[in-house]
């Protein structure tokens, strides 16, 4: 079925600023001064079990990948350098492909129950440095690769988004009951001749072997 894509009116950066007004002095100052991982950022990262990793290819096409493990799985190597282990996943390697074309990288760290998030921006590249990989071994298994992030900017982001979303409210988990299972979605989207329950069972089996 052919559809007509609608292009909506684009406003200029000046129009955006005119509508939003100036940023708060505190927010602006935090971005200017946040050029390294200080003791507060280090402690936040040490307690975070989840980070969203944003990259883009040479054309500017973006990708955002979720990464998670035990709290502190992202290591602070020094005040200007982080290391993110590459745990077993779908092996598509979008992030690695993007970094080979454009090394800009953005991170968003979350801690369950905490409304504020930590944002880190910088330059990234993959490494197989043994000393780095050994530091990220989990359950006696060392990752094959890691992403090194050379930090250029780090700052806390206010908790309005997480407050509005009620992300940490247990009642919000009821929303999961209102959407199709992954098996139902995938079999329909790809036209697979397989029962959705089979796909769901395979996913559950994969989740039982995370490492």
N, C-alpha and C. Protein backbone atom coordinates (compact mmCIF):
# COMPACT_ATOMS: atom_id res chain seq x y z
N UNK A 1 0.86 -1.20 0.00
CA UNK A 1 0.00 0.00 0.00
C UNK A 1 0.88 1.24 0.00
N UNK A 2 0.66 2.15 -0.94
CA UNK A 2 1.42 3.37 -1.02
C UNK A 2 0.79 4.44 -0.14
N UNK A 3 1.61 5.13 0.58
CA UNK A 3 1.13 6.22 1.43
C UNK A 3 1.92 7.48 1.09
N UNK A 4 1.29 8.61 1.30
CA UNK A 4 1.92 9.90 1.06
C UNK A 4 2.49 10.41 2.38
N UNK A 5 3.78 10.67 2.38
CA UNK A 5 4.43 11.16 3.59
C UNK A 5 4.22 12.67 3.70
N UNK A 6 3.78 13.09 4.86
CA UNK A 6 3.54 14.51 5.10
C UNK A 6 4.80 15.14 5.69
N UNK A 7 5.22 16.23 5.10
CA UNK A 7 6.34 16.99 5.64
C UNK A 7 5.77 18.17 6.41
N UNK A 8 6.09 18.23 7.67
CA UNK A 8 5.54 19.29 8.51
C UNK A 8 6.48 20.49 8.56
N UNK A 9 5.94 21.62 8.94
CA UNK A 9 6.71 22.86 8.93
C UNK A 9 7.89 22.77 9.89
N UNK A 10 9.05 23.11 9.38
CA UNK A 10 10.26 23.11 10.19
C UNK A 10 10.54 24.52 10.69
N UNK A 11 10.85 24.63 11.97
CA UNK A 11 11.19 25.95 12.53
C UNK A 11 12.70 26.04 12.71
N UNK A 12 13.21 27.23 12.68
CA UNK A 12 14.65 27.46 12.77
C UNK A 12 15.12 27.38 14.22
N UNK A 13 16.42 27.22 14.43
CA UNK A 13 16.95 27.23 15.80
C UNK A 13 16.59 28.51 16.55
N UNK A 14 16.57 29.64 15.84
CA UNK A 14 16.20 30.90 16.49
C UNK A 14 14.75 30.87 16.94
N UNK A 15 13.87 30.27 16.10
CA UNK A 15 12.46 30.16 16.48
C UNK A 15 12.29 29.26 17.69
N UNK A 16 13.06 28.17 17.72
CA UNK A 16 12.99 27.25 18.86
C UNK A 16 13.37 27.98 20.13
N UNK A 17 14.47 28.72 20.09
CA UNK A 17 14.92 29.44 21.28
C UNK A 17 13.93 30.51 21.69
N UNK A 18 13.32 31.17 20.70
CA UNK A 18 12.34 32.21 21.00
C UNK A 18 11.13 31.62 21.72
N UNK A 19 10.72 30.42 21.32
CA UNK A 19 9.56 29.79 21.94
C UNK A 19 9.87 29.24 23.32
N UNK A 20 11.08 28.69 23.50
CA UNK A 20 11.43 28.06 24.76
C UNK A 20 11.96 29.04 25.80
N UNK A 21 12.56 30.11 25.32
CA UNK A 21 13.21 31.02 26.25
C UNK A 21 14.61 30.53 26.58
N UNK A 22 15.36 31.29 27.35
CA UNK A 22 16.74 30.89 27.68
C UNK A 22 16.76 29.74 28.68
N UNK A 23 17.81 28.91 28.64
CA UNK A 23 17.94 27.83 29.63
C UNK A 23 18.23 28.43 31.01
N UNK A 24 17.95 27.65 32.04
CA UNK A 24 18.23 28.13 33.39
C UNK A 24 19.73 28.29 33.57
N UNK A 25 20.11 29.21 34.43
CA UNK A 25 21.53 29.47 34.67
C UNK A 25 22.23 28.23 35.20
N UNK A 26 21.52 27.46 36.05
CA UNK A 26 22.10 26.25 36.63
C UNK A 26 22.39 25.21 35.56
N UNK A 27 21.44 25.01 34.63
CA UNK A 27 21.63 24.03 33.57
C UNK A 27 22.78 24.42 32.64
N UNK A 28 22.82 25.68 32.29
CA UNK A 28 23.89 26.15 31.41
C UNK A 28 25.24 26.00 32.07
N UNK A 29 25.33 26.33 33.35
CA UNK A 29 26.60 26.24 34.06
C UNK A 29 27.05 24.80 34.20
N UNK A 30 26.10 23.89 34.44
CA UNK A 30 26.45 22.47 34.59
C UNK A 30 27.06 21.92 33.32
N UNK A 31 26.53 22.32 32.17
CA UNK A 31 27.06 21.83 30.89
C UNK A 31 28.45 22.38 30.62
N UNK A 32 28.67 23.63 31.00
CA UNK A 32 29.97 24.24 30.76
C UNK A 32 31.04 23.62 31.64
N UNK A 33 30.71 23.40 32.88
CA UNK A 33 31.70 22.90 33.85
C UNK A 33 31.87 21.38 33.80
N UNK A 34 30.86 20.67 33.27
CA UNK A 34 30.91 19.21 33.28
C UNK A 34 31.74 18.65 32.14
N UNK A 35 33.04 18.68 32.29
CA UNK A 35 33.93 18.21 31.22
C UNK A 35 34.66 16.93 31.59
N UNK A 36 34.36 16.37 32.78
CA UNK A 36 35.05 15.15 33.20
C UNK A 36 34.17 14.40 34.19
N UNK A 37 34.59 13.20 34.55
CA UNK A 37 33.84 12.37 35.50
C UNK A 37 34.36 12.67 36.91
N UNK A 38 33.59 13.45 37.66
CA UNK A 38 34.00 13.77 39.03
C UNK A 38 33.48 12.71 39.99
N UNK A 39 33.64 12.92 41.28
CA UNK A 39 33.27 11.90 42.26
C UNK A 39 31.77 11.62 42.27
N UNK A 40 30.93 12.64 41.98
CA UNK A 40 29.48 12.45 41.97
C UNK A 40 29.05 11.64 40.75
N UNK A 41 29.61 11.95 39.61
CA UNK A 41 29.31 11.17 38.41
C UNK A 41 29.82 9.74 38.54
N UNK A 42 31.00 9.58 39.11
CA UNK A 42 31.58 8.25 39.30
C UNK A 42 30.67 7.38 40.16
N UNK A 43 30.15 7.96 41.23
CA UNK A 43 29.28 7.19 42.12
C UNK A 43 27.97 6.82 41.42
N UNK A 44 27.44 7.74 40.61
CA UNK A 44 26.21 7.45 39.88
C UNK A 44 26.42 6.29 38.91
N UNK A 45 27.51 6.33 38.16
CA UNK A 45 27.82 5.26 37.21
C UNK A 45 28.01 3.93 37.92
N UNK A 46 28.63 3.96 39.09
CA UNK A 46 28.87 2.74 39.85
C UNK A 46 27.58 2.08 40.33
N UNK A 47 26.49 2.85 40.40
CA UNK A 47 25.20 2.32 40.85
C UNK A 47 24.21 2.11 39.71
N UNK A 48 24.63 2.42 38.49
CA UNK A 48 23.70 2.32 37.36
C UNK A 48 23.78 0.96 36.69
N UNK A 49 22.62 0.27 36.52
CA UNK A 49 22.60 -1.01 35.80
C UNK A 49 22.17 -0.87 34.35
N UNK A 50 21.97 0.36 33.89
CA UNK A 50 21.43 0.55 32.54
C UNK A 50 21.95 1.84 31.93
N UNK A 51 22.34 1.75 30.64
CA UNK A 51 22.75 2.95 29.91
C UNK A 51 22.25 2.84 28.47
N UNK A 52 21.71 3.92 27.94
CA UNK A 52 21.34 4.01 26.53
C UNK A 52 22.52 4.63 25.79
N UNK A 53 22.92 4.00 24.68
CA UNK A 53 24.10 4.43 23.92
C UNK A 53 23.65 4.94 22.56
N UNK A 54 23.89 6.23 22.30
CA UNK A 54 23.48 6.84 21.04
C UNK A 54 24.70 7.11 20.16
N UNK A 55 24.59 6.68 18.89
CA UNK A 55 25.64 6.93 17.90
C UNK A 55 24.96 7.28 16.58
N UNK A 56 25.76 7.61 15.57
CA UNK A 56 25.21 7.89 14.25
C UNK A 56 26.24 7.50 13.20
N UNK A 57 25.76 7.15 11.99
CA UNK A 57 26.70 6.80 10.92
C UNK A 57 27.16 8.05 10.20
N UNK A 58 27.92 7.88 9.13
CA UNK A 58 28.52 9.01 8.42
C UNK A 58 27.47 9.92 7.79
N UNK A 59 26.28 9.38 7.52
CA UNK A 59 25.22 10.20 6.92
C UNK A 59 24.40 10.95 7.97
N UNK A 60 24.66 10.66 9.24
CA UNK A 60 23.89 11.28 10.31
C UNK A 60 22.72 10.45 10.79
N UNK A 61 22.50 9.27 10.17
CA UNK A 61 21.40 8.40 10.60
C UNK A 61 21.71 7.88 12.01
N UNK A 62 20.86 8.16 12.98
CA UNK A 62 21.16 7.82 14.37
C UNK A 62 20.71 6.42 14.76
N UNK A 63 21.27 5.96 15.87
CA UNK A 63 20.89 4.69 16.47
C UNK A 63 21.04 4.83 17.97
N UNK A 64 20.12 4.24 18.71
CA UNK A 64 20.21 4.26 20.17
C UNK A 64 20.06 2.84 20.67
N UNK A 65 21.06 2.36 21.39
CA UNK A 65 21.12 0.96 21.80
C UNK A 65 21.09 0.85 23.32
N UNK A 66 20.22 -0.02 23.89
CA UNK A 66 20.20 -0.22 25.34
C UNK A 66 21.31 -1.18 25.77
N UNK A 67 21.96 -0.87 26.87
CA UNK A 67 22.98 -1.74 27.44
C UNK A 67 22.69 -1.88 28.94
N UNK A 68 22.79 -3.10 29.46
CA UNK A 68 22.51 -3.29 30.87
C UNK A 68 23.24 -4.48 31.46
N UNK A 69 23.47 -4.41 32.77
CA UNK A 69 24.12 -5.49 33.51
C UNK A 69 24.06 -5.13 34.98
N UNK A 70 24.85 -5.82 35.78
CA UNK A 70 24.89 -5.49 37.20
C UNK A 70 25.31 -4.03 37.39
N UNK A 71 24.83 -3.37 38.46
CA UNK A 71 25.23 -1.98 38.69
C UNK A 71 26.75 -1.81 38.65
N UNK A 72 27.19 -0.78 37.93
CA UNK A 72 28.61 -0.53 37.81
C UNK A 72 29.28 -1.28 36.69
N UNK A 73 28.49 -1.86 35.78
CA UNK A 73 29.11 -2.63 34.69
C UNK A 73 29.91 -1.72 33.74
N UNK A 74 29.51 -0.45 33.66
CA UNK A 74 30.34 0.52 32.93
C UNK A 74 31.44 0.98 33.87
N UNK A 75 32.67 0.89 33.43
CA UNK A 75 33.82 1.20 34.29
C UNK A 75 34.36 2.60 34.01
N UNK A 76 34.70 3.29 35.09
CA UNK A 76 35.39 4.57 34.98
C UNK A 76 36.88 4.27 35.03
N UNK A 77 37.56 4.41 33.91
CA UNK A 77 39.00 4.11 33.86
C UNK A 77 39.82 5.27 34.41
N UNK A 78 39.36 6.48 34.14
CA UNK A 78 39.93 7.68 34.76
C UNK A 78 38.91 8.78 34.58
N UNK A 79 39.20 9.98 35.00
CA UNK A 79 38.18 11.03 34.99
C UNK A 79 37.77 11.48 33.60
N UNK A 80 38.47 11.02 32.59
CA UNK A 80 38.11 11.38 31.22
C UNK A 80 37.78 10.17 30.35
N UNK A 81 37.74 8.97 30.94
CA UNK A 81 37.59 7.76 30.12
C UNK A 81 36.66 6.73 30.76
N UNK A 82 35.69 6.23 29.98
CA UNK A 82 34.80 5.16 30.41
C UNK A 82 34.99 3.96 29.51
N UNK A 83 34.60 2.78 30.01
CA UNK A 83 34.64 1.55 29.21
C UNK A 83 33.31 0.82 29.38
N UNK A 84 32.68 0.48 28.24
CA UNK A 84 31.39 -0.22 28.25
C UNK A 84 31.61 -1.62 27.68
N UNK A 85 31.35 -2.68 28.45
CA UNK A 85 31.55 -4.04 27.92
C UNK A 85 30.53 -4.38 26.86
N UNK A 86 30.93 -5.17 25.89
CA UNK A 86 30.01 -5.65 24.86
C UNK A 86 29.54 -7.04 25.27
N UNK A 87 28.37 -7.11 25.89
CA UNK A 87 27.81 -8.39 26.32
C UNK A 87 27.13 -9.09 25.14
N UNK A 88 26.90 -10.41 25.24
CA UNK A 88 26.23 -11.14 24.16
C UNK A 88 24.87 -10.54 23.82
N UNK A 89 24.59 -10.40 22.53
CA UNK A 89 23.32 -9.83 22.08
C UNK A 89 22.97 -10.36 20.70
N UNK A 90 22.42 -9.49 19.87
CA UNK A 90 21.97 -9.95 18.55
C UNK A 90 23.08 -9.96 17.50
N UNK A 91 24.26 -9.46 17.86
CA UNK A 91 25.45 -9.49 16.98
C UNK A 91 25.31 -8.64 15.72
N UNK A 92 24.34 -7.75 15.69
CA UNK A 92 24.21 -6.86 14.54
C UNK A 92 25.32 -5.81 14.53
N UNK A 93 25.75 -5.37 15.71
CA UNK A 93 26.90 -4.46 15.86
C UNK A 93 26.67 -3.10 15.22
N UNK A 94 25.46 -2.56 15.34
CA UNK A 94 25.19 -1.23 14.79
C UNK A 94 26.10 -0.17 15.42
N UNK A 95 26.29 -0.26 16.73
CA UNK A 95 27.09 0.74 17.42
C UNK A 95 28.53 0.73 16.92
N UNK A 96 29.11 -0.45 16.77
CA UNK A 96 30.49 -0.53 16.28
C UNK A 96 30.60 0.00 14.86
N UNK A 97 29.62 -0.33 14.03
CA UNK A 97 29.63 0.17 12.66
C UNK A 97 29.55 1.68 12.60
N UNK A 98 28.71 2.26 13.43
CA UNK A 98 28.59 3.71 13.46
C UNK A 98 29.88 4.37 13.92
N UNK A 99 30.48 3.83 14.98
CA UNK A 99 31.69 4.44 15.51
C UNK A 99 32.84 4.39 14.51
N UNK A 100 32.81 3.39 13.62
CA UNK A 100 33.84 3.31 12.58
C UNK A 100 33.70 4.45 11.57
N UNK A 101 32.49 4.99 11.43
CA UNK A 101 32.23 6.06 10.48
C UNK A 101 32.21 7.43 11.13
N UNK A 102 31.72 7.48 12.37
CA UNK A 102 31.61 8.75 13.09
C UNK A 102 31.74 8.46 14.57
N UNK A 103 32.74 9.02 15.22
CA UNK A 103 33.06 8.58 16.58
C UNK A 103 32.30 9.30 17.69
N UNK A 104 31.37 10.17 17.34
CA UNK A 104 30.57 10.82 18.38
C UNK A 104 29.68 9.81 19.09
N UNK A 105 29.54 9.96 20.42
CA UNK A 105 28.74 9.02 21.20
C UNK A 105 28.10 9.75 22.38
N UNK A 106 26.85 9.39 22.67
CA UNK A 106 26.13 9.97 23.80
C UNK A 106 25.59 8.86 24.69
N UNK A 107 25.71 9.03 26.00
CA UNK A 107 25.26 8.03 26.97
C UNK A 107 24.22 8.63 27.90
N UNK A 108 23.26 7.79 28.31
CA UNK A 108 22.23 8.20 29.25
C UNK A 108 22.13 7.13 30.34
N UNK A 109 22.64 7.42 31.53
CA UNK A 109 22.65 6.46 32.63
C UNK A 109 21.40 6.63 33.50
N UNK A 110 20.80 5.49 33.87
CA UNK A 110 19.64 5.48 34.76
C UNK A 110 19.92 4.60 35.96
N UNK A 111 19.31 4.97 37.09
CA UNK A 111 19.31 4.15 38.30
C UNK A 111 17.85 3.96 38.71
N UNK A 112 17.37 2.73 38.87
CA UNK A 112 15.98 2.51 39.27
C UNK A 112 15.62 3.31 40.53
N UNK A 113 14.51 4.03 40.44
CA UNK A 113 14.04 4.80 41.58
C UNK A 113 14.56 6.22 41.64
N UNK A 114 15.57 6.54 40.84
CA UNK A 114 16.14 7.89 40.82
C UNK A 114 15.58 8.65 39.62
N UNK A 115 15.03 9.83 39.87
CA UNK A 115 14.40 10.59 38.78
C UNK A 115 15.41 11.24 37.85
N UNK A 116 16.52 11.71 38.42
CA UNK A 116 17.53 12.37 37.59
C UNK A 116 18.35 11.34 36.83
N UNK A 117 18.86 11.73 35.67
CA UNK A 117 19.70 10.85 34.87
C UNK A 117 21.04 11.54 34.63
N UNK A 118 22.03 10.75 34.29
CA UNK A 118 23.36 11.29 33.98
C UNK A 118 23.60 11.20 32.49
N UNK A 119 23.94 12.32 31.88
CA UNK A 119 24.24 12.37 30.45
C UNK A 119 25.74 12.55 30.25
N UNK A 120 26.30 11.74 29.37
CA UNK A 120 27.73 11.81 29.06
C UNK A 120 27.88 11.83 27.55
N UNK A 121 28.66 12.76 27.04
CA UNK A 121 28.93 12.85 25.60
C UNK A 121 30.44 12.82 25.37
N UNK A 122 30.83 12.27 24.22
CA UNK A 122 32.25 12.22 23.93
C UNK A 122 32.55 11.54 22.62
N UNK A 123 33.73 10.94 22.54
CA UNK A 123 34.19 10.22 21.36
C UNK A 123 34.44 8.76 21.74
N UNK A 124 34.03 7.84 20.86
CA UNK A 124 34.13 6.43 21.21
C UNK A 124 34.83 5.60 20.15
N UNK A 125 35.35 4.46 20.61
CA UNK A 125 35.96 3.49 19.69
C UNK A 125 36.02 2.13 20.39
N UNK A 126 36.04 1.03 19.63
CA UNK A 126 36.11 -0.30 20.23
C UNK A 126 37.55 -0.65 20.62
N UNK A 127 37.68 -1.51 21.62
CA UNK A 127 39.01 -1.98 22.03
C UNK A 127 38.94 -3.44 22.45
N UNK A 128 40.07 -4.13 22.31
CA UNK A 128 40.21 -5.48 22.84
C UNK A 128 41.36 -5.53 23.84
N UNK A 129 41.67 -4.38 24.43
CA UNK A 129 42.75 -4.28 25.41
C UNK A 129 42.51 -5.24 26.57
N UNK A 130 43.40 -6.23 26.80
CA UNK A 130 43.17 -7.25 27.82
C UNK A 130 42.92 -6.69 29.22
N UNK A 131 43.68 -5.68 29.62
CA UNK A 131 43.51 -5.12 30.96
C UNK A 131 42.12 -4.53 31.15
N UNK A 132 41.61 -3.88 30.11
CA UNK A 132 40.26 -3.30 30.18
C UNK A 132 39.20 -4.39 30.24
N UNK A 133 39.33 -5.40 29.38
CA UNK A 133 38.33 -6.47 29.35
C UNK A 133 38.30 -7.27 30.65
N UNK A 134 39.46 -7.49 31.24
CA UNK A 134 39.52 -8.24 32.49
C UNK A 134 38.77 -7.53 33.61
N UNK A 135 38.82 -6.22 33.62
CA UNK A 135 38.12 -5.44 34.65
C UNK A 135 36.61 -5.59 34.55
N UNK A 136 36.13 -6.05 33.39
CA UNK A 136 34.69 -6.14 33.17
C UNK A 136 34.19 -7.58 33.11
N UNK A 137 35.01 -8.52 33.57
CA UNK A 137 34.60 -9.92 33.58
C UNK A 137 33.42 -10.10 34.53
N UNK A 138 32.44 -10.87 34.10
CA UNK A 138 31.25 -11.15 34.91
C UNK A 138 30.98 -12.64 34.91
N UNK A 139 30.79 -13.20 36.12
CA UNK A 139 30.53 -14.62 36.26
C UNK A 139 31.58 -15.43 35.50
N UNK A 140 32.82 -15.02 35.70
CA UNK A 140 34.00 -15.71 35.14
C UNK A 140 34.10 -15.60 33.62
N UNK A 141 33.30 -14.73 33.00
CA UNK A 141 33.36 -14.57 31.56
C UNK A 141 33.76 -13.15 31.21
N UNK A 142 34.80 -13.04 30.39
CA UNK A 142 35.31 -11.75 29.98
C UNK A 142 34.73 -11.37 28.63
N UNK A 143 34.31 -10.10 28.44
CA UNK A 143 33.79 -9.71 27.12
C UNK A 143 34.90 -9.76 26.06
N UNK A 144 34.51 -9.94 24.82
CA UNK A 144 35.47 -9.96 23.72
C UNK A 144 35.88 -8.56 23.30
N UNK A 145 34.98 -7.60 23.50
CA UNK A 145 35.24 -6.23 23.10
C UNK A 145 34.64 -5.27 24.12
N UNK A 146 35.11 -4.04 24.07
CA UNK A 146 34.53 -2.98 24.88
C UNK A 146 34.55 -1.70 24.07
N UNK A 147 33.70 -0.76 24.48
CA UNK A 147 33.70 0.56 23.86
C UNK A 147 34.38 1.53 24.81
N UNK A 148 35.41 2.18 24.35
CA UNK A 148 36.06 3.23 25.12
C UNK A 148 35.38 4.55 24.79
N UNK A 149 35.03 5.31 25.82
CA UNK A 149 34.42 6.62 25.63
C UNK A 149 35.35 7.67 26.23
N UNK A 150 35.85 8.55 25.38
CA UNK A 150 36.66 9.68 25.83
C UNK A 150 35.71 10.84 26.09
N UNK A 151 35.53 11.16 27.36
CA UNK A 151 34.49 12.07 27.81
C UNK A 151 34.84 13.53 27.51
N UNK A 152 33.90 14.22 26.90
CA UNK A 152 34.06 15.66 26.69
C UNK A 152 33.01 16.46 27.45
N UNK A 153 31.91 15.80 27.85
CA UNK A 153 30.84 16.51 28.54
C UNK A 153 30.09 15.53 29.43
N UNK A 154 29.77 15.95 30.65
CA UNK A 154 29.00 15.12 31.58
C UNK A 154 28.19 16.03 32.51
N UNK A 155 26.92 15.70 32.68
CA UNK A 155 26.09 16.52 33.56
C UNK A 155 24.81 15.76 33.92
N UNK A 156 24.22 16.14 35.06
CA UNK A 156 22.94 15.57 35.47
C UNK A 156 21.81 16.27 34.73
N UNK A 157 20.79 15.48 34.37
CA UNK A 157 19.61 16.01 33.70
C UNK A 157 18.44 15.92 34.68
N UNK A 158 17.63 16.96 34.73
CA UNK A 158 16.53 17.02 35.70
C UNK A 158 15.55 15.87 35.51
N UNK A 159 14.76 15.60 36.55
CA UNK A 159 13.89 14.43 36.57
C UNK A 159 12.49 14.63 36.07
N UNK A 160 12.23 15.70 35.32
CA UNK A 160 10.85 15.94 34.86
C UNK A 160 10.35 14.81 33.96
N UNK A 161 11.18 14.33 33.04
CA UNK A 161 10.73 13.29 32.11
C UNK A 161 10.35 12.02 32.85
N UNK A 162 11.19 11.58 33.79
CA UNK A 162 10.88 10.36 34.52
C UNK A 162 9.71 10.55 35.47
N UNK A 163 9.53 11.77 35.97
CA UNK A 163 8.37 12.04 36.82
C UNK A 163 7.09 11.98 36.00
N UNK A 164 7.11 12.60 34.82
CA UNK A 164 5.91 12.59 33.98
C UNK A 164 5.57 11.17 33.52
N UNK A 165 6.59 10.39 33.20
CA UNK A 165 6.36 9.04 32.69
C UNK A 165 5.95 8.05 33.77
N UNK A 166 6.18 8.43 35.05
CA UNK A 166 5.92 7.52 36.18
C UNK A 166 6.66 6.19 35.98
N UNK A 167 7.87 6.29 35.44
CA UNK A 167 8.62 5.10 35.06
C UNK A 167 8.88 4.17 36.23
N UNK A 168 9.16 4.74 37.40
CA UNK A 168 9.50 3.90 38.55
C UNK A 168 8.29 3.57 39.42
N UNK A 169 7.10 3.98 38.99
CA UNK A 169 5.89 3.64 39.73
C UNK A 169 5.50 2.20 39.42
N UNK A 170 5.43 1.30 40.42
CA UNK A 170 5.09 -0.11 40.15
C UNK A 170 3.79 -0.27 39.36
N UNK A 171 2.87 0.66 39.53
CA UNK A 171 1.60 0.55 38.82
C UNK A 171 1.79 0.66 37.31
N UNK A 172 2.87 1.29 36.89
CA UNK A 172 3.13 1.44 35.46
C UNK A 172 3.43 0.11 34.78
N UNK A 173 3.82 -0.90 35.54
CA UNK A 173 4.13 -2.20 34.95
C UNK A 173 2.90 -2.87 34.36
N UNK A 174 1.73 -2.42 34.76
CA UNK A 174 0.49 -2.98 34.20
C UNK A 174 0.37 -2.68 32.72
N UNK A 175 1.10 -1.65 32.24
CA UNK A 175 1.04 -1.32 30.82
C UNK A 175 1.56 -2.45 29.95
N UNK A 176 2.46 -3.28 30.50
CA UNK A 176 3.04 -4.39 29.73
C UNK A 176 1.98 -5.41 29.33
N UNK A 177 0.89 -5.46 30.06
CA UNK A 177 -0.16 -6.43 29.77
C UNK A 177 -1.03 -6.00 28.59
N UNK A 178 -0.85 -4.75 28.14
CA UNK A 178 -1.72 -4.22 27.10
C UNK A 178 -1.10 -4.25 25.71
N UNK A 179 0.12 -4.80 25.58
CA UNK A 179 0.77 -4.83 24.28
C UNK A 179 1.00 -6.29 23.86
N UNK A 180 1.14 -6.54 22.56
CA UNK A 180 1.41 -7.91 22.09
C UNK A 180 2.76 -8.39 22.61
N UNK A 181 2.93 -9.70 22.69
CA UNK A 181 4.22 -10.26 23.07
C UNK A 181 5.20 -10.06 21.93
N UNK A 182 6.52 -10.14 22.20
CA UNK A 182 7.49 -10.03 21.11
C UNK A 182 7.24 -11.05 20.00
N UNK A 183 6.85 -12.28 20.38
CA UNK A 183 6.58 -13.31 19.38
C UNK A 183 5.43 -12.93 18.46
N UNK A 184 4.37 -12.36 19.03
CA UNK A 184 3.23 -11.95 18.21
C UNK A 184 3.63 -10.85 17.23
N UNK A 185 4.41 -9.89 17.71
CA UNK A 185 4.81 -8.77 16.86
C UNK A 185 5.75 -9.22 15.74
N UNK A 186 6.76 -10.01 16.10
CA UNK A 186 7.77 -10.41 15.11
C UNK A 186 7.18 -11.31 14.04
N UNK A 187 6.38 -12.29 14.42
CA UNK A 187 5.81 -13.19 13.42
C UNK A 187 4.89 -12.46 12.46
N UNK A 188 4.16 -11.46 12.95
CA UNK A 188 3.28 -10.68 12.09
C UNK A 188 4.08 -9.75 11.18
N UNK A 189 5.09 -9.08 11.75
CA UNK A 189 5.87 -8.11 10.96
C UNK A 189 6.67 -8.78 9.85
N UNK A 190 7.22 -9.96 10.15
CA UNK A 190 8.07 -10.65 9.18
C UNK A 190 7.33 -11.70 8.37
N UNK A 191 6.06 -11.90 8.69
CA UNK A 191 5.28 -12.90 7.96
C UNK A 191 5.79 -14.31 8.19
N UNK A 192 6.21 -14.63 9.40
CA UNK A 192 6.80 -15.94 9.69
C UNK A 192 5.71 -17.00 9.84
N UNK A 193 6.00 -18.18 9.32
CA UNK A 193 5.07 -19.30 9.46
C UNK A 193 5.47 -20.12 10.68
N UNK A 194 5.30 -19.50 11.84
CA UNK A 194 5.68 -20.13 13.10
C UNK A 194 4.80 -19.56 14.19
N UNK A 195 4.47 -20.36 15.15
CA UNK A 195 3.60 -19.91 16.23
C UNK A 195 4.30 -18.85 17.08
N UNK A 196 3.63 -17.77 17.42
CA UNK A 196 4.23 -16.73 18.25
C UNK A 196 4.79 -17.28 19.56
N UNK A 197 4.11 -18.30 20.11
CA UNK A 197 4.55 -18.87 21.38
C UNK A 197 5.95 -19.48 21.27
N UNK A 198 6.27 -20.01 20.09
CA UNK A 198 7.59 -20.61 19.88
C UNK A 198 8.67 -19.54 19.95
N UNK A 199 8.41 -18.39 19.32
CA UNK A 199 9.37 -17.29 19.36
C UNK A 199 9.55 -16.79 20.79
N UNK A 200 8.46 -16.65 21.50
CA UNK A 200 8.54 -16.19 22.89
C UNK A 200 9.33 -17.17 23.75
N UNK A 201 9.14 -18.47 23.53
CA UNK A 201 9.87 -19.47 24.30
C UNK A 201 11.37 -19.41 23.99
N UNK A 202 11.71 -19.19 22.72
CA UNK A 202 13.12 -19.09 22.35
C UNK A 202 13.77 -17.87 22.99
N UNK A 203 13.03 -16.77 23.03
CA UNK A 203 13.55 -15.57 23.67
C UNK A 203 13.78 -15.80 25.16
N UNK A 204 12.83 -16.44 25.80
CA UNK A 204 12.97 -16.72 27.23
C UNK A 204 14.18 -17.61 27.49
N UNK A 205 14.40 -18.57 26.61
CA UNK A 205 15.57 -19.45 26.77
C UNK A 205 16.87 -18.65 26.62
N UNK A 206 16.88 -17.72 25.67
CA UNK A 206 18.08 -16.88 25.48
C UNK A 206 18.31 -15.99 26.68
N UNK A 207 17.26 -15.49 27.30
CA UNK A 207 17.40 -14.61 28.45
C UNK A 207 17.94 -15.36 29.67
N UNK A 208 17.74 -16.68 29.68
CA UNK A 208 18.26 -17.46 30.80
C UNK A 208 19.77 -17.68 30.70
N UNK A 209 20.34 -17.35 29.56
CA UNK A 209 21.77 -17.51 29.35
C UNK A 209 22.35 -16.17 28.89
N UNK A 210 22.37 -15.22 29.81
CA UNK A 210 22.74 -13.85 29.45
C UNK A 210 24.21 -13.70 29.14
N UNK A 211 25.04 -14.58 29.65
CA UNK A 211 26.49 -14.42 29.45
C UNK A 211 27.07 -15.55 28.62
